[in-house]
Amino acid sequence: MEEIEYRTDKVFTPESLESLFLSVGWSSGHYPEKLVVAMRNSATVVSAWSDGQLVGLINAMDDGVMTAYIHFLLIRPDFQDKGIGHELVKRMTEHYADYLRIVLIAYEKEVGFYERQGFEIGDEKVPMFVTSLWT
């Protein structure tokens, strides 16, 4: 396995974010300048790098004491299934270990992954959006 460097800084080029987000087909990748600002404004960001290339990222927003919301978790397809996603989630949940709630919205095909990381499906809860993004 290639050597993966994990970082917590929020310094990204638009090109690195665009490349990562579009590699997984996320429409957010069409707004790389906004992604730079979004990462800078996130409470917590952990990124994964291989030979200077951004290969994975997780970010969260929080209220400072009770609730953290994990927004993005994405791994470049050629780096998936190598434990990077697990490591990113582990680092994020450890960072927020004293919080009362860590929340995320998972695509259905990813539910099993998140359950293996300790997340549970919320009973009688439905994610709701006002959005212009298509993925």
Protein backbone atom coordinates (compact mmCIF):
# COMPACT_ATOMS: atom_id res chain seq x y z
CA MET A 1 0.00 0.00 0.00
CA GLU A 2 1.20 3.47 -0.80
CA GLU A 3 2.26 5.71 2.06
CA ILE A 4 -0.66 7.94 3.09
CA GLU A 5 -0.07 11.22 4.89
CA TYR A 6 -2.97 12.53 6.98
CA ARG A 7 -3.22 16.27 7.53
CA THR A 8 -5.53 18.57 9.48
CA ASP A 9 -4.69 21.85 7.80
CA LYS A 10 -7.31 23.51 5.63
CA VAL A 11 -5.01 24.54 2.79
CA PHE A 12 -6.21 23.24 -0.58
CA THR A 13 -5.88 24.41 -4.16
CA PRO A 14 -9.05 24.62 -6.22
CA GLU A 15 -7.51 22.10 -8.61
CA SER A 16 -6.87 19.48 -5.91
CA LEU A 17 -10.45 19.71 -4.63
CA GLU A 18 -11.94 19.78 -8.12
CA SER A 19 -9.99 16.67 -9.10
CA LEU A 20 -10.97 14.74 -5.95
CA PHE A 21 -14.67 15.65 -6.04
CA LEU A 22 -15.06 15.00 -9.76
CA SER A 23 -13.20 11.68 -9.43
CA VAL A 24 -16.20 10.37 -7.47
CA GLY A 25 -18.76 12.15 -9.67
CA TRP A 26 -19.86 14.74 -7.11
CA SER A 27 -21.31 17.89 -8.61
CA SER A 28 -19.62 19.98 -5.90
CA GLY A 29 -16.44 19.50 -7.91
CA HIS A 30 -17.79 21.97 -10.47
CA TYR A 31 -17.39 24.70 -7.82
CA PRO A 32 -13.73 24.38 -6.78
CA GLU A 33 -13.39 27.97 -5.55
CA LYS A 34 -16.42 27.47 -3.29
CA LEU A 35 -14.93 24.19 -2.03
CA VAL A 36 -11.75 26.02 -1.00
CA VAL A 37 -13.84 28.42 1.09
CA ALA A 38 -16.01 25.57 2.42
CA MET A 39 -12.94 23.70 3.66
CA ARG A 40 -11.47 26.84 5.21
CA ASN A 41 -14.79 27.50 6.99
CA SER A 42 -15.27 23.91 8.18
CA ALA A 43 -14.66 23.36 11.86
CA THR A 44 -12.55 20.27 11.22
CA VAL A 45 -10.95 18.82 8.10
CA VAL A 46 -8.79 15.71 7.81
CA SER A 47 -7.29 14.99 4.42
CA ALA A 48 -5.34 12.06 3.00
CA TRP A 49 -2.43 12.60 0.60
CA SER A 50 -0.27 10.28 -1.48
CA ASP A 51 2.81 11.65 -3.24
CA GLY A 52 1.41 15.19 -3.05
CA GLN A 53 -2.00 14.20 -4.47
CA LEU A 54 -5.19 14.72 -2.46
CA VAL A 55 -6.74 11.24 -2.33
CA GLY A 56 -9.32 11.58 0.45
CA LEU A 57 -11.06 14.07 2.67
CA ILE A 58 -13.53 14.30 5.53
CA ASN A 59 -14.90 17.52 6.97
CA ALA A 60 -17.27 18.51 9.75
CA MET A 61 -19.19 21.48 11.04
CA ASP A 62 -19.98 21.73 14.74
CA ASP A 63 -21.58 23.88 17.42
CA GLY A 64 -18.51 23.77 19.64
CA VAL A 65 -19.82 21.46 22.33
CA MET A 66 -22.74 19.14 21.53
CA THR A 67 -23.23 18.27 17.87
CA ALA A 68 -20.89 17.72 14.94
CA TYR A 69 -22.14 17.17 11.41
CA ILE A 70 -19.89 15.28 9.02
CA HIS A 71 -20.52 16.76 5.62
CA PHE A 72 -18.09 15.23 3.12
CA LEU A 73 -16.26 11.94 3.11
CA LEU A 74 -14.77 11.01 -0.22
CA ILE A 75 -11.89 8.86 -1.40
CA ARG A 76 -10.48 8.90 -4.93
CA PRO A 77 -11.71 5.65 -6.60
CA ASP A 78 -8.23 4.21 -7.16
CA PHE A 79 -7.54 4.62 -3.41
CA GLN A 80 -10.81 3.10 -2.15
CA ASP A 81 -10.85 -0.17 -0.22
CA LYS A 82 -7.43 0.54 1.32
CA GLY A 83 -8.62 1.65 4.78
CA ILE A 84 -8.37 5.38 4.11
CA GLY A 85 -12.08 6.06 4.66
CA HIS A 86 -12.01 4.08 7.88
CA GLU A 87 -8.98 6.04 9.08
CA LEU A 88 -10.56 9.39 8.21
CA VAL A 89 -13.78 8.52 10.07
CA LYS A 90 -11.77 7.22 13.04
CA ARG A 91 -9.80 10.45 13.27
CA MET A 92 -12.96 12.53 13.01
CA THR A 93 -14.92 10.55 15.61
CA GLU A 94 -11.95 10.64 17.98
CA HIS A 95 -11.75 14.41 17.53
CA TYR A 96 -15.44 14.68 18.49
CA ALA A 97 -15.42 11.95 21.17
CA ASP A 98 -16.70 14.33 23.88
CA TYR A 99 -19.63 15.57 21.77
CA LEU A 100 -23.11 14.20 22.44
CA ARG A 101 -23.95 13.60 18.78
CA ILE A 102 -22.09 13.09 15.52
CA VAL A 103 -24.45 13.21 12.54
CA LEU A 104 -24.09 12.47 8.84
CA ILE A 105 -26.25 11.74 5.83
CA ALA A 106 -25.20 8.63 3.95
CA TYR A 107 -26.05 7.52 0.46
CA GLU A 108 -27.89 4.18 0.68
CA LYS A 109 -25.02 2.26 -0.90
CA GLU A 110 -22.69 3.57 1.83
CA VAL A 111 -24.86 2.73 4.85
CA GLY A 112 -22.99 -0.54 5.54
CA PHE A 113 -19.65 1.28 5.61
CA TYR A 114 -20.92 3.79 8.17
CA GLU A 115 -22.55 1.08 10.28
CA ARG A 116 -19.15 -0.67 10.45
CA GLN A 117 -17.75 2.65 11.75
CA GLY A 118 -20.31 2.71 14.59
CA PHE A 119 -23.04 4.90 13.09
CA GLU A 120 -26.70 3.87 13.35
CA ILE A 121 -29.67 4.64 11.14
CA GLY A 122 -31.94 7.11 12.93
CA ASP A 123 -35.48 5.86 13.53
CA GLU A 124 -38.26 8.07 12.20
CA LYS A 125 -35.75 10.54 10.75
CA VAL A 126 -35.62 11.69 7.14
CA PRO A 127 -32.87 13.85 5.61
CA MET A 128 -34.26 16.96 3.96
CA PHE A 129 -32.60 19.41 1.57
CA VAL A 130 -32.92 22.69 -0.26
CA THR A 131 -30.23 22.29 -2.91
CA SER A 132 -29.18 22.99 -6.46
CA LEU A 133 -26.54 20.22 -6.46
CA TRP A 134 -27.44 17.02 -8.28
CA THR A 135 -25.14 14.62 -6.39
